[in-house]
Amino acid sequence: MGKILQSLQNTVIAGVVLAIIVFAAATSGFSSIAVDHGYLARYLHVISGVMWIGLLWYFNFVQIPTMPSIPDELKPAVGKHIAPAALFWFRWGAMATLITGLWLIGPNLVDALTVTEGFRLIGIGMWLAIIMWFNVWFVIWPNQKIALGIVEADPALKPKAARTAMLFSRTNTMLSIPMLLCMTGQQNGLGF
């Protein structure tokens, strides 16, 4: 068990194997199980969404509020090692969530994006998620690269870039609350 849990890769592989075993055990005895692309898309959408929103909330509920109390000599560890790794998974979690969401909505994409009756809630949720995805890729990440020194920039720009990234991250945190309401509401029959 130690070899599995000491390696993130092995832990994830074990998690996938366990998910397959649980699915097989839960569906045993059924002569035919209709698992279409929608189920797989929803599962991958939820997994990637947990990665994205989990890291968004980590940044806003843990890292940003804690940074002022971290001694100056320890801050480079966060800025040079932890934040860049977390931002990698954050932005690719956002991308995977967007792609799997579009795959999941499939032929109903136009209805959702135009917020047609029956798709109002998920349509609003999709627009909020698209705005959030845009913020991640085109505002937060470019400004974080400057703030963290990942790209060459005038040192005087770092505080402004850090503030911009923080404000858009807070915007995404705010938008995530109604977005999750829309997502879970639609899934539970509140399509409006």
C-alpha atoms as a PDB file:
ATOM      1  CA  MET A   1       0.000   0.000   0.000  1.00  0.00           C
ATOM      2  CA  GLY A   2       2.922   2.321   0.733  1.00  0.00           C
ATOM      3  CA  LYS A   3       4.148   2.137  -2.884  1.00  0.00           C
ATOM      4  CA  ILE A   4       0.707   3.175  -4.107  1.00  0.00           C
ATOM      5  CA  LEU A   5       0.264   6.112  -1.738  1.00  0.00           C
ATOM      6  CA  GLN A   6       3.824   7.421  -1.943  1.00  0.00           C
ATOM      7  CA  SER A   7       3.427   8.142  -5.657  1.00  0.00           C
ATOM      8  CA  LEU A   8       0.753  10.540  -6.914  1.00  0.00           C
ATOM      9  CA  GLN A   9       0.682   8.713 -10.258  1.00  0.00           C
ATOM     10  CA  ASN A  10       0.141   5.344  -8.549  1.00  0.00           C
ATOM     11  CA  THR A  11      -2.499   6.871  -6.271  1.00  0.00           C
ATOM     12  CA  VAL A  12      -4.448   8.216  -9.257  1.00  0.00           C
ATOM     13  CA  ILE A  13      -4.140   4.906 -11.113  1.00  0.00           C
ATOM     14  CA  ALA A  14      -5.389   3.081  -7.997  1.00  0.00           C
ATOM     15  CA  GLY A  15      -8.294   5.532  -7.779  1.00  0.00           C
ATOM     16  CA  VAL A  16      -9.266   4.827 -11.395  1.00  0.00           C
ATOM     17  CA  VAL A  17      -9.045   1.065 -10.807  1.00  0.00           C
ATOM     18  CA  LEU A  18     -11.207   1.411  -7.675  1.00  0.00           C
ATOM     19  CA  ALA A  19     -13.752   3.492  -9.616  1.00  0.00           C
ATOM     20  CA  ILE A  20     -13.959   0.733 -12.256  1.00  0.00           C
ATOM     21  CA  ILE A  21     -14.382  -1.922  -9.559  1.00  0.00           C
ATOM     22  CA  VAL A  22     -17.095   0.112  -7.800  1.00  0.00           C
ATOM     23  CA  PHE A  23     -18.896   0.709 -11.096  1.00  0.00           C
ATOM     24  CA  ALA A  24     -18.680  -2.982 -12.037  1.00  0.00           C
ATOM     25  CA  ALA A  25     -19.889  -4.087  -8.600  1.00  0.00           C
ATOM     26  CA  ALA A  26     -22.753  -1.587  -8.567  1.00  0.00           C
ATOM     27  CA  THR A  27     -23.938  -2.626 -12.025  1.00  0.00           C
ATOM     28  CA  SER A  28     -23.467  -6.402 -11.673  1.00  0.00           C
ATOM     29  CA  GLY A  29     -26.602  -8.363 -12.273  1.00  0.00           C
ATOM     30  CA  PHE A  30     -27.942  -5.903 -14.831  1.00  0.00           C
ATOM     31  CA  SER A  31     -28.219  -7.482 -18.249  1.00  0.00           C
ATOM     32  CA  SER A  32     -27.525  -4.260 -20.074  1.00  0.00           C
ATOM     33  CA  ILE A  33     -26.239  -0.959 -18.830  1.00  0.00           C
ATOM     34  CA  ALA A  34     -26.749   2.062 -21.012  1.00  0.00           C
ATOM     35  CA  VAL A  35     -23.698   4.203 -20.345  1.00  0.00           C
ATOM     36  CA  ASP A  36     -23.518   6.710 -23.149  1.00  0.00           C
ATOM     37  CA  HIS A  37     -21.014   9.450 -23.836  1.00  0.00           C
ATOM     38  CA  GLY A  38     -23.086  11.715 -21.564  1.00  0.00           C
ATOM     39  CA  TYR A  39     -22.194   9.721 -18.476  1.00  0.00           C
ATOM     40  CA  LEU A  40     -18.476   9.733 -19.256  1.00  0.00           C
ATOM     41  CA  ALA A  41     -18.581  13.432 -20.163  1.00  0.00           C
ATOM     42  CA  ARG A  42     -20.398  14.266 -16.909  1.00  0.00           C
ATOM     43  CA  TYR A  43     -17.930  12.218 -14.844  1.00  0.00           C
ATOM     44  CA  LEU A  44     -14.892  13.866 -16.468  1.00  0.00           C
ATOM     45  CA  HIS A  45     -16.589  17.277 -16.213  1.00  0.00           C
ATOM     46  CA  VAL A  46     -17.112  16.840 -12.482  1.00  0.00           C
ATOM     47  CA  ILE A  47     -13.556  15.592 -11.894  1.00  0.00           C
ATOM     48  CA  SER A  48     -11.999  18.471 -13.821  1.00  0.00           C
ATOM     49  CA  GLY A  49     -14.400  20.958 -12.210  1.00  0.00           C
ATOM     50  CA  VAL A  50     -13.405  19.772  -8.745  1.00  0.00           C
ATOM     51  CA  MET A  51      -9.751  20.323  -9.695  1.00  0.00           C
ATOM     52  CA  TRP A  52     -10.467  23.814 -11.054  1.00  0.00           C
ATOM     53  CA  ILE A  53     -12.821  25.136  -8.395  1.00  0.00           C
ATOM     54  CA  GLY A  54     -10.923  23.350  -5.609  1.00  0.00           C
ATOM     55  CA  LEU A  55      -7.748  25.199  -6.559  1.00  0.00           C
ATOM     56  CA  LEU A  56      -9.651  28.459  -7.057  1.00  0.00           C
ATOM     57  CA  TRP A  57     -10.959  28.166  -3.521  1.00  0.00           C
ATOM     58  CA  TYR A  58      -7.514  27.097  -2.227  1.00  0.00           C
ATOM     59  CA  PHE A  59      -6.019  30.287  -3.636  1.00  0.00           C
ATOM     60  CA  ASN A  60      -8.783  32.498  -2.242  1.00  0.00           C
ATOM     61  CA  PHE A  61      -9.469  30.838   1.109  1.00  0.00           C
ATOM     62  CA  VAL A  62      -5.935  29.670   1.973  1.00  0.00           C
ATOM     63  CA  GLN A  63      -2.997  31.023  -0.044  1.00  0.00           C
ATOM     64  CA  ILE A  64      -3.945  34.683  -0.542  1.00  0.00           C
ATOM     65  CA  PRO A  65      -5.107  35.285   3.051  1.00  0.00           C
ATOM     66  CA  THR A  66      -2.110  33.400   4.503  1.00  0.00           C
ATOM     67  CA  MET A  67       0.658  35.041   2.431  1.00  0.00           C
ATOM     68  CA  PRO A  68       0.928  38.196   4.589  1.00  0.00           C
ATOM     69  CA  SER A  69       1.662  36.093   7.691  1.00  0.00           C
ATOM     70  CA  ILE A  70       4.345  33.973   6.013  1.00  0.00           C
ATOM     71  CA  PRO A  71       7.869  35.115   6.970  1.00  0.00           C
ATOM     72  CA  ASP A  72       9.633  36.854   4.084  1.00  0.00           C
ATOM     73  CA  GLU A  73      12.369  34.218   3.891  1.00  0.00           C
ATOM     74  CA  LEU A  74       9.728  31.507   3.256  1.00  0.00           C
ATOM     75  CA  LYS A  75       7.688  33.362   0.621  1.00  0.00           C
ATOM     76  CA  PRO A  76       9.966  32.343  -2.276  1.00  0.00           C
ATOM     77  CA  ALA A  77       9.020  28.699  -1.655  1.00  0.00           C
ATOM     78  CA  VAL A  78       5.387  29.575  -2.317  1.00  0.00           C
ATOM     79  CA  GLY A  79       6.089  31.930  -5.226  1.00  0.00           C
ATOM     80  CA  LYS A  80       8.677  29.782  -6.983  1.00  0.00           C
ATOM     81  CA  HIS A  81       7.401  26.261  -6.294  1.00  0.00           C
ATOM     82  CA  ILE A  82       3.885  25.901  -4.861  1.00  0.00           C
ATOM     83  CA  ALA A  83       2.027  28.657  -6.751  1.00  0.00           C
ATOM     84  CA  PRO A  84       3.372  27.757 -10.236  1.00  0.00           C
ATOM     85  CA  ALA A  85       2.471  24.076  -9.737  1.00  0.00           C
ATOM     86  CA  ALA A  86      -0.979  24.953  -8.407  1.00  0.00           C
ATOM     87  CA  LEU A  87      -1.514  27.406 -11.282  1.00  0.00           C
ATOM     88  CA  PHE A  88      -0.621  24.691 -13.804  1.00  0.00           C
ATOM     89  CA  TRP A  89      -3.347  22.382 -12.500  1.00  0.00           C
ATOM     90  CA  PHE A  90      -5.697  25.362 -12.009  1.00  0.00           C
ATOM     91  CA  ARG A  91      -5.588  26.530 -15.614  1.00  0.00           C
ATOM     92  CA  TRP A  92      -5.650  23.027 -17.136  1.00  0.00           C
ATOM     93  CA  GLY A  93      -8.497  22.082 -14.788  1.00  0.00           C
ATOM     94  CA  ALA A  94     -10.345  25.096 -16.186  1.00  0.00           C
ATOM     95  CA  MET A  95      -9.613  24.006 -19.761  1.00  0.00           C
ATOM     96  CA  ALA A  96     -10.698  20.415 -19.126  1.00  0.00           C
ATOM     97  CA  THR A  97     -13.872  21.619 -17.404  1.00  0.00           C
ATOM     98  CA  LEU A  98     -14.762  23.824 -20.369  1.00  0.00           C
ATOM     99  CA  ILE A  99     -14.042  21.106 -22.949  1.00  0.00           C
ATOM    100  CA  THR A 100     -15.929  18.375 -21.087  1.00  0.00           C
ATOM    101  CA  GLY A 101     -18.813  20.781 -20.441  1.00  0.00           C
ATOM    102  CA  LEU A 102     -19.112  21.533 -24.156  1.00  0.00           C
ATOM    103  CA  TRP A 103     -18.893  17.799 -24.894  1.00  0.00           C
ATOM    104  CA  LEU A 104     -21.559  17.100 -22.282  1.00  0.00           C
ATOM    105  CA  ILE A 105     -24.040  19.701 -23.548  1.00  0.00           C
ATOM    106  CA  GLY A 106     -23.357  18.486 -27.112  1.00  0.00           C
ATOM    107  CA  PRO A 107     -26.333  18.962 -29.413  1.00  0.00           C
ATOM    108  CA  ASN A 108     -27.998  21.313 -26.911  1.00  0.00           C
ATOM    109  CA  LEU A 109     -25.140  23.817 -27.004  1.00  0.00           C
ATOM    110  CA  VAL A 110     -27.053  26.500 -28.915  1.00  0.00           C
ATOM    111  CA  ASP A 111     -30.081  26.121 -26.610  1.00  0.00           C
ATOM    112  CA  ALA A 112     -27.850  26.504 -23.569  1.00  0.00           C
ATOM    113  CA  LEU A 113     -25.829  29.438 -24.910  1.00  0.00           C
ATOM    114  CA  THR A 114     -28.975  31.263 -25.979  1.00  0.00           C
ATOM    115  CA  VAL A 115     -30.559  30.439 -22.596  1.00  0.00           C
ATOM    116  CA  THR A 116     -33.599  28.815 -24.228  1.00  0.00           C
ATOM    117  CA  GLU A 117     -36.436  27.565 -22.025  1.00  0.00           C
ATOM    118  CA  GLY A 118     -35.446  24.291 -20.421  1.00  0.00           C
ATOM    119  CA  PHE A 119     -31.791  25.323 -20.625  1.00  0.00           C
ATOM    120  CA  ARG A 120     -31.912  28.656 -18.788  1.00  0.00           C
ATOM    121  CA  LEU A 121     -30.172  27.521 -15.632  1.00  0.00           C
ATOM    122  CA  ILE A 122     -27.415  25.557 -17.330  1.00  0.00           C
ATOM    123  CA  GLY A 123     -27.085  28.303 -19.951  1.00  0.00           C
ATOM    124  CA  ILE A 124     -26.479  30.938 -17.295  1.00  0.00           C
ATOM    125  CA  GLY A 125     -24.063  28.559 -15.581  1.00  0.00           C
ATOM    126  CA  MET A 126     -22.217  27.993 -18.848  1.00  0.00           C
ATOM    127  CA  TRP A 127     -21.842  31.718 -19.468  1.00  0.00           C
ATOM    128  CA  LEU A 128     -20.508  32.207 -15.944  1.00  0.00           C
ATOM    129  CA  ALA A 129     -18.052  29.321 -16.460  1.00  0.00           C
ATOM    130  CA  ILE A 130     -16.925  30.713 -19.832  1.00  0.00           C
ATOM    131  CA  ILE A 131     -16.261  34.112 -18.230  1.00  0.00           C
ATOM    132  CA  MET A 132     -14.341  32.367 -15.453  1.00  0.00           C
ATOM    133  CA  TRP A 133     -12.343  30.281 -17.951  1.00  0.00           C
ATOM    134  CA  PHE A 134     -11.510  33.459 -19.911  1.00  0.00           C
ATOM    135  CA  ASN A 135     -10.358  35.149 -16.706  1.00  0.00           C
ATOM    136  CA  VAL A 136      -8.094  32.187 -15.882  1.00  0.00           C
ATOM    137  CA  TRP A 137      -6.375  32.036 -19.256  1.00  0.00           C
ATOM    138  CA  PHE A 138      -6.320  35.670 -20.348  1.00  0.00           C
ATOM    139  CA  VAL A 139      -6.144  37.690 -17.118  1.00  0.00           C
ATOM    140  CA  ILE A 140      -5.120  35.642 -14.066  1.00  0.00           C
ATOM    141  CA  TRP A 141      -2.409  33.489 -15.664  1.00  0.00           C
ATOM    142  CA  PRO A 142      -0.681  36.281 -17.636  1.00  0.00           C
ATOM    143  CA  ASN A 143      -0.635  38.490 -14.540  1.00  0.00           C
ATOM    144  CA  GLN A 144       0.535  35.667 -12.272  1.00  0.00           C
ATOM    145  CA  LYS A 145       3.446  35.002 -14.641  1.00  0.00           C
ATOM    146  CA  ILE A 146       4.534  38.619 -14.099  1.00  0.00           C
ATOM    147  CA  ALA A 147       3.853  38.634 -10.354  1.00  0.00           C
ATOM    148  CA  LEU A 148       5.752  35.389  -9.773  1.00  0.00           C
ATOM    149  CA  GLY A 149       8.661  36.305 -12.050  1.00  0.00           C
ATOM    150  CA  ILE A 150       7.965  33.466 -14.470  1.00  0.00           C
ATOM    151  CA  VAL A 151       8.342  35.939 -17.356  1.00  0.00           C
ATOM    152  CA  GLU A 152      10.680  38.891 -17.630  1.00  0.00           C
ATOM    153  CA  ALA A 153       8.974  42.120 -16.605  1.00  0.00           C
ATOM    154  CA  ASP A 154       9.756  45.414 -14.964  1.00  0.00           C
ATOM    155  CA  PRO A 155       9.820  44.727 -11.199  1.00  0.00           C
ATOM    156  CA  ALA A 156       7.600  47.759 -10.715  1.00  0.00           C
ATOM    157  CA  LEU A 157       4.815  45.903 -12.587  1.00  0.00           C
ATOM    158  CA  LYS A 158       4.764  42.949 -10.159  1.00  0.00           C
ATOM    159  CA  PRO A 159       2.513  44.504  -7.463  1.00  0.00           C
ATOM    160  CA  LYS A 160      -0.043  45.694 -10.035  1.00  0.00           C
ATOM    161  CA  ALA A 161      -0.014  42.295 -11.772  1.00  0.00           C
ATOM    162  CA  ALA A 162      -0.440  40.496  -8.444  1.00  0.00           C
ATOM    163  CA  ARG A 163      -3.379  42.730  -7.529  1.00  0.00           C
ATOM    164  CA  THR A 164      -5.033  42.261 -10.933  1.00  0.00           C
ATOM    165  CA  ALA A 165      -4.634  38.463 -10.684  1.00  0.00           C
ATOM    166  CA  MET A 166      -6.062  38.518  -7.147  1.00  0.00           C
ATOM    167  CA  LEU A 167      -9.067  40.669  -8.101  1.00  0.00           C
ATOM    168  CA  PHE A 168      -9.949  38.449 -11.064  1.00  0.00           C
ATOM    169  CA  SER A 169      -9.436  35.350  -8.920  1.00  0.00           C
ATOM    170  CA  ARG A 170     -11.856  36.853  -6.393  1.00  0.00           C
ATOM    171  CA  THR A 171     -14.242  37.609  -9.259  1.00  0.00           C
ATOM    172  CA  ASN A 172     -14.082  33.942 -10.253  1.00  0.00           C
ATOM    173  CA  THR A 173     -14.700  32.887  -6.654  1.00  0.00           C
ATOM    174  CA  MET A 174     -17.795  35.084  -6.584  1.00  0.00           C
ATOM    175  CA  LEU A 175     -19.000  33.735  -9.955  1.00  0.00           C
ATOM    176  CA  SER A 176     -18.325  30.128  -8.918  1.00  0.00           C
ATOM    177  CA  ILE A 177     -21.077  30.256  -6.303  1.00  0.00           C
ATOM    178  CA  PRO A 178     -23.987  30.959  -8.711  1.00  0.00           C
ATOM    179  CA  MET A 179     -22.286  28.845 -11.403  1.00  0.00           C
ATOM    180  CA  LEU A 180     -22.347  25.810  -9.100  1.00  0.00           C
ATOM    181  CA  LEU A 181     -25.976  26.564  -8.240  1.00  0.00           C
ATOM    182  CA  CYS A 182     -26.812  26.524 -11.963  1.00  0.00           C
ATOM    183  CA  MET A 183     -24.860  23.339 -12.592  1.00  0.00           C
ATOM    184  CA  THR A 184     -26.383  21.374  -9.722  1.00  0.00           C
ATOM    185  CA  GLY A 185     -29.819  22.863 -10.300  1.00  0.00           C
ATOM    186  CA  GLN A 186     -29.925  21.745 -13.924  1.00  0.00           C
ATOM    187  CA  GLN A 187     -28.680  18.284 -12.994  1.00  0.00           C
ATOM    188  CA  ASN A 188     -31.460  17.983 -10.420  1.00  0.00           C
ATOM    189  CA  GLY A 189     -34.299  18.916 -12.740  1.00  0.00           C
ATOM    190  CA  LEU A 190     -34.449  22.689 -12.312  1.00  0.00           C
ATOM    191  CA  GLY A 191     -33.850  23.515 -15.994  1.00  0.00           C
ATOM    192  CA  PHE A 192     -36.383  26.332 -16.246  1.00  0.00           C
END
